[in-house]
PDB file of all heavy atoms in Angstrom:
ATOM      1  N   LYS A   1       8.473 -19.531 109.951  1.00  0.00           N
ATOM      2  CA  LYS A   1       7.882 -18.254 109.608  1.00  0.00           C
ATOM      3  C   LYS A   1       8.596 -17.111 110.266  1.00  0.00           C
ATOM      4  O   LYS A   1       8.856 -15.979 109.687  1.00  0.00           O
ATOM      5  CB  LYS A   1       6.403 -18.196 110.014  1.00  0.00           C
ATOM      6  CG  LYS A   1       5.586 -17.021 109.606  1.00  0.00           C
ATOM      7  CD  LYS A   1       5.333 -17.051 108.063  1.00  0.00           C
ATOM      8  CE  LYS A   1       4.415 -15.931 107.656  1.00  0.00           C
ATOM      9  NZ  LYS A   1       4.297 -15.874 106.198  1.00  0.00           N
ATOM     10  N   THR A   2       9.028 -17.314 111.539  1.00  0.00           N
ATOM     11  CA  THR A   2       9.807 -16.282 112.262  1.00  0.00           C
ATOM     12  C   THR A   2      11.127 -16.008 111.556  1.00  0.00           C
ATOM     13  O   THR A   2      11.544 -14.882 111.515  1.00  0.00           O
ATOM     14  CB  THR A   2       9.989 -16.671 113.705  1.00  0.00           C
ATOM     15  OG1 THR A   2       8.695 -16.997 114.310  1.00  0.00           O
ATOM     16  CG2 THR A   2      10.672 -15.632 114.489  1.00  0.00           C
ATOM     17  N   LEU A   3      11.790 -17.081 111.119  1.00  0.00           N
ATOM     18  CA  LEU A   3      13.085 -16.947 110.473  1.00  0.00           C
ATOM     19  C   LEU A   3      13.022 -16.020 109.182  1.00  0.00           C
ATOM     20  O   LEU A   3      13.989 -15.454 108.775  1.00  0.00           O
ATOM     21  CB  LEU A   3      13.635 -18.275 110.083  1.00  0.00           C
ATOM     22  CG  LEU A   3      14.268 -19.161 111.241  1.00  0.00           C
ATOM     23  CD1 LEU A   3      14.818 -20.450 110.622  1.00  0.00           C
ATOM     24  CD2 LEU A   3      15.370 -18.363 111.896  1.00  0.00           C
ATOM     25  N   GLU A   4      11.808 -16.000 108.616  1.00  0.00           N
ATOM     26  CA  GLU A   4      11.621 -15.147 107.418  1.00  0.00           C
ATOM     27  C   GLU A   4      11.884 -13.689 107.692  1.00  0.00           C
ATOM     28  O   GLU A   4      12.040 -12.867 106.792  1.00  0.00           O
ATOM     29  CB  GLU A   4      10.197 -15.392 106.859  1.00  0.00           C
ATOM     30  CG  GLU A   4      10.086 -16.769 106.252  1.00  0.00           C
ATOM     31  CD  GLU A   4       8.661 -16.973 105.696  1.00  0.00           C
ATOM     32  OE1 GLU A   4       7.888 -16.046 105.680  1.00  0.00           O
ATOM     33  OE2 GLU A   4       8.333 -18.079 105.259  1.00  0.00           O
ATOM     34  N   GLU A   5      11.881 -13.266 108.979  1.00  0.00           N
ATOM     35  CA  GLU A   5      12.098 -11.874 109.306  1.00  0.00           C
ATOM     36  C   GLU A   5      13.567 -11.556 109.177  1.00  0.00           C
ATOM     37  O   GLU A   5      13.953 -10.338 109.203  1.00  0.00           O
ATOM     38  CB  GLU A   5      11.674 -11.635 110.767  1.00  0.00           C
ATOM     39  CG  GLU A   5      10.177 -11.902 111.002  1.00  0.00           C
ATOM     40  CD  GLU A   5       9.802 -11.765 112.477  1.00  0.00           C
ATOM     41  OE1 GLU A   5      10.671 -11.347 113.249  1.00  0.00           O
ATOM     42  OE2 GLU A   5       8.688 -12.232 112.857  1.00  0.00           O
ATOM     43  N   LEU A   6      14.464 -12.505 109.030  1.00  0.00           N
ATOM     44  CA  LEU A   6      15.839 -12.321 108.945  1.00  0.00           C
ATOM     45  C   LEU A   6      16.322 -12.215 107.499  1.00  0.00           C
ATOM     46  O   LEU A   6      15.753 -12.854 106.628  1.00  0.00           O
ATOM     47  CB  LEU A   6      16.656 -13.423 109.555  1.00  0.00           C
ATOM     48  CG  LEU A   6      16.450 -13.566 111.085  1.00  0.00           C
ATOM     49  CD1 LEU A   6      17.087 -14.842 111.632  1.00  0.00           C
ATOM     50  CD2 LEU A   6      17.098 -12.318 111.875  1.00  0.00           C
ATOM     51  N   PRO A   7      17.448 -11.534 107.161  1.00  0.00           N
ATOM     52  CA  PRO A   7      18.041 -11.602 105.826  1.00  0.00           C
ATOM     53  C   PRO A   7      18.461 -13.013 105.465  1.00  0.00           C
ATOM     54  O   PRO A   7      18.726 -13.848 106.363  1.00  0.00           O
ATOM     55  CB  PRO A   7      19.216 -10.635 105.973  1.00  0.00           C
ATOM     56  CG  PRO A   7      19.017  -9.846 107.163  1.00  0.00           C
ATOM     57  CD  PRO A   7      18.177 -10.589 108.090  1.00  0.00           C
ATOM     58  N   GLU A   8      18.564 -13.243 104.199  1.00  0.00           N
ATOM     59  CA  GLU A   8      18.898 -14.646 103.746  1.00  0.00           C
ATOM     60  C   GLU A   8      20.139 -15.285 104.419  1.00  0.00           C
ATOM     61  O   GLU A   8      20.073 -16.424 104.789  1.00  0.00           O
ATOM     62  CB  GLU A   8      19.130 -14.648 102.214  1.00  0.00           C
ATOM     63  CG  GLU A   8      19.412 -15.996 101.699  1.00  0.00           C
ATOM     64  CD  GLU A   8      19.625 -16.045 100.190  1.00  0.00           C
ATOM     65  OE1 GLU A   8      19.553 -14.937  99.577  1.00  0.00           O
ATOM     66  OE2 GLU A   8      19.860 -17.091  99.582  1.00  0.00           O
ATOM     67  N   GLU A   9      21.199 -14.498 104.545  1.00  0.00           N
ATOM     68  CA  GLU A   9      22.490 -14.963 105.134  1.00  0.00           C
ATOM     69  C   GLU A   9      22.209 -15.482 106.562  1.00  0.00           C
ATOM     70  O   GLU A   9      22.671 -16.547 106.958  1.00  0.00           O
ATOM     71  CB  GLU A   9      23.479 -13.896 105.118  1.00  0.00           C
ATOM     72  CG  GLU A   9      24.809 -14.345 105.738  1.00  0.00           C
ATOM     73  CD  GLU A   9      25.837 -13.150 105.796  1.00  0.00           C
ATOM     74  OE1 GLU A   9      25.467 -12.025 105.363  1.00  0.00           O
ATOM     75  OE2 GLU A   9      26.951 -13.439 106.215  1.00  0.00           O
ATOM     76  N   TYR A  10      21.460 -14.709 107.352  1.00  0.00           N
ATOM     77  CA  TYR A  10      21.151 -15.000 108.732  1.00  0.00           C
ATOM     78  C   TYR A  10      20.128 -16.196 108.824  1.00  0.00           C
ATOM     79  O   TYR A  10      20.280 -17.050 109.702  1.00  0.00           O
ATOM     80  CB  TYR A  10      20.686 -13.823 109.496  1.00  0.00           C
ATOM     81  CG  TYR A  10      21.753 -12.836 109.818  1.00  0.00           C
ATOM     82  CD1 TYR A  10      22.287 -12.014 108.873  1.00  0.00           C
ATOM     83  CD2 TYR A  10      22.320 -12.820 111.115  1.00  0.00           C
ATOM     84  CE1 TYR A  10      23.326 -11.074 109.153  1.00  0.00           C
ATOM     85  CE2 TYR A  10      23.394 -11.893 111.390  1.00  0.00           C
ATOM     86  CZ  TYR A  10      23.842 -11.045 110.450  1.00  0.00           C
ATOM     87  OH  TYR A  10      24.809 -10.156 110.782  1.00  0.00           O
ATOM     88  N   ARG A  11      19.141 -16.146 107.982  1.00  0.00           N
ATOM     89  CA  ARG A  11      18.095 -17.147 107.904  1.00  0.00           C
ATOM     90  C   ARG A  11      18.745 -18.493 107.678  1.00  0.00           C
ATOM     91  O   ARG A  11      18.447 -19.511 108.322  1.00  0.00           O
ATOM     92  CB  ARG A  11      17.118 -16.794 106.889  1.00  0.00           C
ATOM     93  CG  ARG A  11      15.871 -17.825 106.832  1.00  0.00           C
ATOM     94  CD  ARG A  11      14.780 -17.237 105.959  1.00  0.00           C
ATOM     95  NE  ARG A  11      15.171 -17.154 104.603  1.00  0.00           N
ATOM     96  CZ  ARG A  11      15.250 -16.107 103.868  1.00  0.00           C
ATOM     97  NH1 ARG A  11      15.020 -14.889 104.414  1.00  0.00           N
ATOM     98  NH2 ARG A  11      15.551 -16.137 102.551  1.00  0.00           N
ATOM     99  N   ASP A  12      19.666 -18.627 106.707  1.00  0.00           N
ATOM    100  CA  ASP A  12      20.353 -19.829 106.405  1.00  0.00           C
ATOM    101  C   ASP A  12      21.157 -20.341 107.612  1.00  0.00           C
ATOM    102  O   ASP A  12      21.113 -21.508 107.953  1.00  0.00           O
ATOM    103  CB  ASP A  12      21.257 -19.600 105.158  1.00  0.00           C
ATOM    104  CG  ASP A  12      22.069 -20.810 104.795  1.00  0.00           C
ATOM    105  OD1 ASP A  12      21.545 -21.628 104.042  1.00  0.00           O
ATOM    106  OD2 ASP A  12      23.204 -21.023 105.319  1.00  0.00           O
ATOM    107  N   PHE A  13      21.884 -19.390 108.215  1.00  0.00           N
ATOM    108  CA  PHE A  13      22.744 -19.798 109.313  1.00  0.00           C
ATOM    109  C   PHE A  13      21.924 -20.349 110.515  1.00  0.00           C
ATOM    110  O   PHE A  13      22.231 -21.434 111.013  1.00  0.00           O
ATOM    111  CB  PHE A  13      23.528 -18.534 109.858  1.00  0.00           C
ATOM    112  CG  PHE A  13      24.338 -18.794 111.099  1.00  0.00           C
ATOM    113  CD1 PHE A  13      25.526 -19.513 111.028  1.00  0.00           C
ATOM    114  CD2 PHE A  13      23.932 -18.333 112.299  1.00  0.00           C
ATOM    115  CE1 PHE A  13      26.261 -19.768 112.223  1.00  0.00           C
ATOM    116  CE2 PHE A  13      24.697 -18.495 113.469  1.00  0.00           C
ATOM    117  CZ  PHE A  13      25.851 -19.291 113.381  1.00  0.00           C
ATOM    118  N   TYR A  14      20.858 -19.668 110.893  1.00  0.00           N
ATOM    119  CA  TYR A  14      20.043 -20.142 112.013  1.00  0.00           C
ATOM    120  C   TYR A  14      19.205 -21.346 111.679  1.00  0.00           C
ATOM    121  O   TYR A  14      18.962 -22.180 112.593  1.00  0.00           O
ATOM    122  CB  TYR A  14      19.252 -18.987 112.584  1.00  0.00           C
ATOM    123  CG  TYR A  14      20.117 -18.020 113.336  1.00  0.00           C
ATOM    124  CD1 TYR A  14      20.490 -16.825 112.756  1.00  0.00           C
ATOM    125  CD2 TYR A  14      20.621 -18.338 114.600  1.00  0.00           C
ATOM    126  CE1 TYR A  14      21.338 -15.899 113.452  1.00  0.00           C
ATOM    127  CE2 TYR A  14      21.384 -17.450 115.357  1.00  0.00           C
ATOM    128  CZ  TYR A  14      21.771 -16.245 114.734  1.00  0.00           C
ATOM    129  OH  TYR A  14      22.599 -15.428 115.409  1.00  0.00           O
ATOM    130  N   ALA A  15      18.810 -21.498 110.452  1.00  0.00           N
ATOM    131  CA  ALA A  15      18.104 -22.696 110.070  1.00  0.00           C
ATOM    132  C   ALA A  15      19.015 -23.953 110.195  1.00  0.00           C
ATOM    133  O   ALA A  15      18.553 -25.007 110.667  1.00  0.00           O
ATOM    134  CB  ALA A  15      17.639 -22.603 108.630  1.00  0.00           C
ATOM    135  N   ARG A  16      20.267 -23.791 109.804  1.00  0.00           N
ATOM    136  CA  ARG A  16      21.199 -24.847 109.925  1.00  0.00           C
ATOM    137  C   ARG A  16      21.444 -25.214 111.431  1.00  0.00           C
ATOM    138  O   ARG A  16      21.592 -26.368 111.753  1.00  0.00           O
ATOM    139  CB  ARG A  16      22.516 -24.565 109.189  1.00  0.00           C
ATOM    140  CG  ARG A  16      22.382 -24.524 107.715  1.00  0.00           C
ATOM    141  CD  ARG A  16      23.650 -24.099 107.001  1.00  0.00           C
ATOM    142  NE  ARG A  16      23.391 -23.929 105.572  1.00  0.00           N
ATOM    143  CZ  ARG A  16      23.438 -24.821 104.667  1.00  0.00           C
ATOM    144  NH1 ARG A  16      23.732 -26.092 105.035  1.00  0.00           N
ATOM    145  NH2 ARG A  16      23.253 -24.591 103.350  1.00  0.00           N
ATOM    146  N   ARG A  17      21.522 -24.152 112.259  1.00  0.00           N
ATOM    147  CA  ARG A  17      21.661 -24.440 113.668  1.00  0.00           C
ATOM    148  C   ARG A  17      20.462 -25.174 114.219  1.00  0.00           C
ATOM    149  O   ARG A  17      20.594 -26.122 115.029  1.00  0.00           O
ATOM    150  CB  ARG A  17      21.802 -23.153 114.433  1.00  0.00           C
ATOM    151  CG  ARG A  17      23.204 -22.546 114.283  1.00  0.00           C
ATOM    152  CD  ARG A  17      23.414 -21.395 115.355  1.00  0.00           C
ATOM    153  NE  ARG A  17      23.262 -21.889 116.637  1.00  0.00           N
ATOM    154  CZ  ARG A  17      23.217 -21.085 117.763  1.00  0.00           C
ATOM    155  NH1 ARG A  17      23.314 -19.790 117.619  1.00  0.00           N
ATOM    156  NH2 ARG A  17      23.089 -21.618 118.982  1.00  0.00           N
ATOM    157  N   MET A  18      19.253 -24.834 113.710  1.00  0.00           N
ATOM    158  CA  MET A  18      18.057 -25.548 114.187  1.00  0.00           C
ATOM    159  C   MET A  18      18.083 -27.044 113.805  1.00  0.00           C
ATOM    160  O   MET A  18      17.763 -27.902 114.545  1.00  0.00           O
ATOM    161  CB  MET A  18      16.826 -24.893 113.549  1.00  0.00           C
ATOM    162  CG  MET A  18      16.425 -23.529 114.228  1.00  0.00           C
ATOM    163  SD  MET A  18      15.175 -22.683 113.248  1.00  0.00           S
ATOM    164  CE  MET A  18      13.775 -23.832 113.402  1.00  0.00           C
ATOM    165  N   VAL A  19      18.570 -27.283 112.540  1.00  0.00           N
ATOM    166  CA  VAL A  19      18.711 -28.690 112.089  1.00  0.00           C
ATOM    167  C   VAL A  19      19.648 -29.436 112.992  1.00  0.00           C
ATOM    168  O   VAL A  19      19.363 -30.553 113.400  1.00  0.00           O
ATOM    169  CB  VAL A  19      19.137 -28.707 110.597  1.00  0.00           C
ATOM    170  CG1 VAL A  19      19.450 -30.162 110.211  1.00  0.00           C
ATOM    171  CG2 VAL A  19      18.045 -28.147 109.673  1.00  0.00           C
ATOM    172  N   LEU A  20      20.764 -28.854 113.250  1.00  0.00           N
ATOM    173  CA  LEU A  20      21.771 -29.533 114.191  1.00  0.00           C
ATOM    174  C   LEU A  20      21.135 -29.793 115.503  1.00  0.00           C
ATOM    175  O   LEU A  20      21.405 -30.849 116.133  1.00  0.00           O
ATOM    176  CB  LEU A  20      23.007 -28.622 114.271  1.00  0.00           C
ATOM    177  CG  LEU A  20      23.880 -28.545 113.058  1.00  0.00           C
ATOM    178  CD1 LEU A  20      24.950 -27.524 113.253  1.00  0.00           C
ATOM    179  CD2 LEU A  20      24.457 -29.938 112.689  1.00  0.00           C
ATOM    180  N   ARG A  21      20.329 -28.847 116.051  1.00  0.00           N
ATOM    181  CA  ARG A  21      19.739 -29.039 117.349  1.00  0.00           C
ATOM    182  C   ARG A  21      18.713 -30.187 117.308  1.00  0.00           C
ATOM    183  O   ARG A  21      18.665 -31.005 118.264  1.00  0.00           O
ATOM    184  CB  ARG A  21      19.145 -27.728 117.809  1.00  0.00           C
ATOM    185  CG  ARG A  21      18.577 -27.761 119.243  1.00  0.00           C
ATOM    186  CD  ARG A  21      18.273 -26.422 119.756  1.00  0.00           C
ATOM    187  NE  ARG A  21      17.709 -26.402 121.120  1.00  0.00           N
ATOM    188  CZ  ARG A  21      18.486 -26.530 122.218  1.00  0.00           C
ATOM    189  NH1 ARG A  21      19.777 -26.676 122.113  1.00  0.00           N
ATOM    190  NH2 ARG A  21      17.877 -26.590 123.383  1.00  0.00           N
ATOM    191  N   ILE A  22      17.947 -30.259 116.236  1.00  0.00           N
ATOM    192  CA  ILE A  22      16.964 -31.361 116.134  1.00  0.00           C
ATOM    193  C   ILE A  22      17.717 -32.673 116.059  1.00  0.00           C
ATOM    194  O   ILE A  22      17.378 -33.667 116.746  1.00  0.00           O
ATOM    195  CB  ILE A  22      16.114 -31.117 114.858  1.00  0.00           C
ATOM    196  CG1 ILE A  22      15.142 -29.922 115.092  1.00  0.00           C
ATOM    197  CG2 ILE A  22      15.345 -32.362 114.566  1.00  0.00           C
ATOM    198  CD1 ILE A  22      14.411 -29.545 113.888  1.00  0.00           C
ATOM    199  N   GLN A  23      18.802 -32.750 115.303  1.00  0.00           N
ATOM    200  CA  GLN A  23      19.537 -33.994 115.168  1.00  0.00           C
ATOM    201  C   GLN A  23      20.139 -34.448 116.500  1.00  0.00           C
ATOM    202  O   GLN A  23      20.047 -35.558 116.931  1.00  0.00           O
ATOM    203  CB  GLN A  23      20.697 -33.821 114.115  1.00  0.00           C
ATOM    204  CG  GLN A  23      20.201 -33.708 112.712  1.00  0.00           C
ATOM    205  CD  GLN A  23      21.327 -33.477 111.739  1.00  0.00           C
ATOM    206  OE1 GLN A  23      22.333 -32.918 112.113  1.00  0.00           O
ATOM    207  NE2 GLN A  23      21.140 -33.850 110.527  1.00  0.00           N
ATOM    208  N   GLU A  24      20.609 -33.405 117.277  1.00  0.00           N
ATOM    209  CA  GLU A  24      21.261 -33.734 118.547  1.00  0.00           C
ATOM    210  C   GLU A  24      20.243 -34.135 119.594  1.00  0.00           C
ATOM    211  O   GLU A  24      20.450 -35.096 120.391  1.00  0.00           O
ATOM    212  CB  GLU A  24      21.944 -32.411 119.064  1.00  0.00           C
ATOM    213  CG  GLU A  24      22.551 -32.535 120.461  1.00  0.00           C
ATOM    214  CD  GLU A  24      23.016 -31.216 120.994  1.00  0.00           C
ATOM    215  OE1 GLU A  24      23.170 -30.310 120.208  1.00  0.00           O
ATOM    216  OE2 GLU A  24      23.293 -31.166 122.197  1.00  0.00           O
ATOM    217  N   LYS A  25      19.077 -33.543 119.596  1.00  0.00           N
ATOM    218  CA  LYS A  25      18.087 -33.812 120.669  1.00  0.00           C
ATOM    219  C   LYS A  25      17.121 -34.907 120.273  1.00  0.00           C
ATOM    220  O   LYS A  25      16.551 -35.562 121.242  1.00  0.00           O
ATOM    221  CB  LYS A  25      17.288 -32.504 120.952  1.00  0.00           C
ATOM    222  CG  LYS A  25      18.115 -31.358 121.498  1.00  0.00           C
ATOM    223  CD  LYS A  25      18.629 -31.664 122.897  1.00  0.00           C
ATOM    224  CE  LYS A  25      19.358 -30.559 123.528  1.00  0.00           C
ATOM    225  NZ  LYS A  25      19.894 -30.863 124.899  1.00  0.00           N
ATOM    226  N   ALA A  26      16.786 -35.125 118.987  1.00  0.00           N
ATOM    227  CA  ALA A  26      15.723 -36.000 118.646  1.00  0.00           C
ATOM    228  C   ALA A  26      16.058 -37.247 117.850  1.00  0.00           C
ATOM    229  O   ALA A  26      15.390 -38.262 117.900  1.00  0.00           O
ATOM    230  CB  ALA A  26      14.662 -35.260 117.913  1.00  0.00           C
ATOM    231  N   TYR A  27      17.252 -37.208 117.165  1.00  0.00           N
ATOM    232  CA  TYR A  27      17.550 -38.399 116.365  1.00  0.00           C
ATOM    233  C   TYR A  27      18.032 -39.521 117.293  1.00  0.00           C
ATOM    234  O   TYR A  27      18.649 -39.310 118.295  1.00  0.00           O
ATOM    235  CB  TYR A  27      18.737 -38.049 115.417  1.00  0.00           C
ATOM    236  CG  TYR A  27      18.356 -37.349 114.123  1.00  0.00           C
ATOM    237  CD1 TYR A  27      17.180 -36.661 114.078  1.00  0.00           C
ATOM    238  CD2 TYR A  27      19.120 -37.452 112.944  1.00  0.00           C
ATOM    239  CE1 TYR A  27      16.783 -35.982 112.906  1.00  0.00           C
ATOM    240  CE2 TYR A  27      18.737 -36.908 111.790  1.00  0.00           C
ATOM    241  CZ  TYR A  27      17.561 -36.114 111.761  1.00  0.00           C
ATOM    242  OH  TYR A  27      17.190 -35.485 110.611  1.00  0.00           O
ATOM    243  N   SER A  28      17.669 -40.766 116.903  1.00  0.00           N
ATOM    244  CA  SER A  28      18.028 -41.925 117.668  1.00  0.00           C
ATOM    245  C   SER A  28      19.090 -42.732 117.051  1.00  0.00           C
ATOM    246  O   SER A  28      19.232 -42.806 115.795  1.00  0.00           O
ATOM    247  CB  SER A  28      16.781 -42.792 117.834  1.00  0.00           C
ATOM    248  OG  SER A  28      17.097 -44.032 118.531  1.00  0.00           O
TER     249      SER A  28
END
């Protein structure tokens, strides 16, 4: 919901960073 405050280009970029962080920290 917070990411929706950003323009699409930035929202896409930071969403992908979030996915990478989840994969790095939580995937087994």
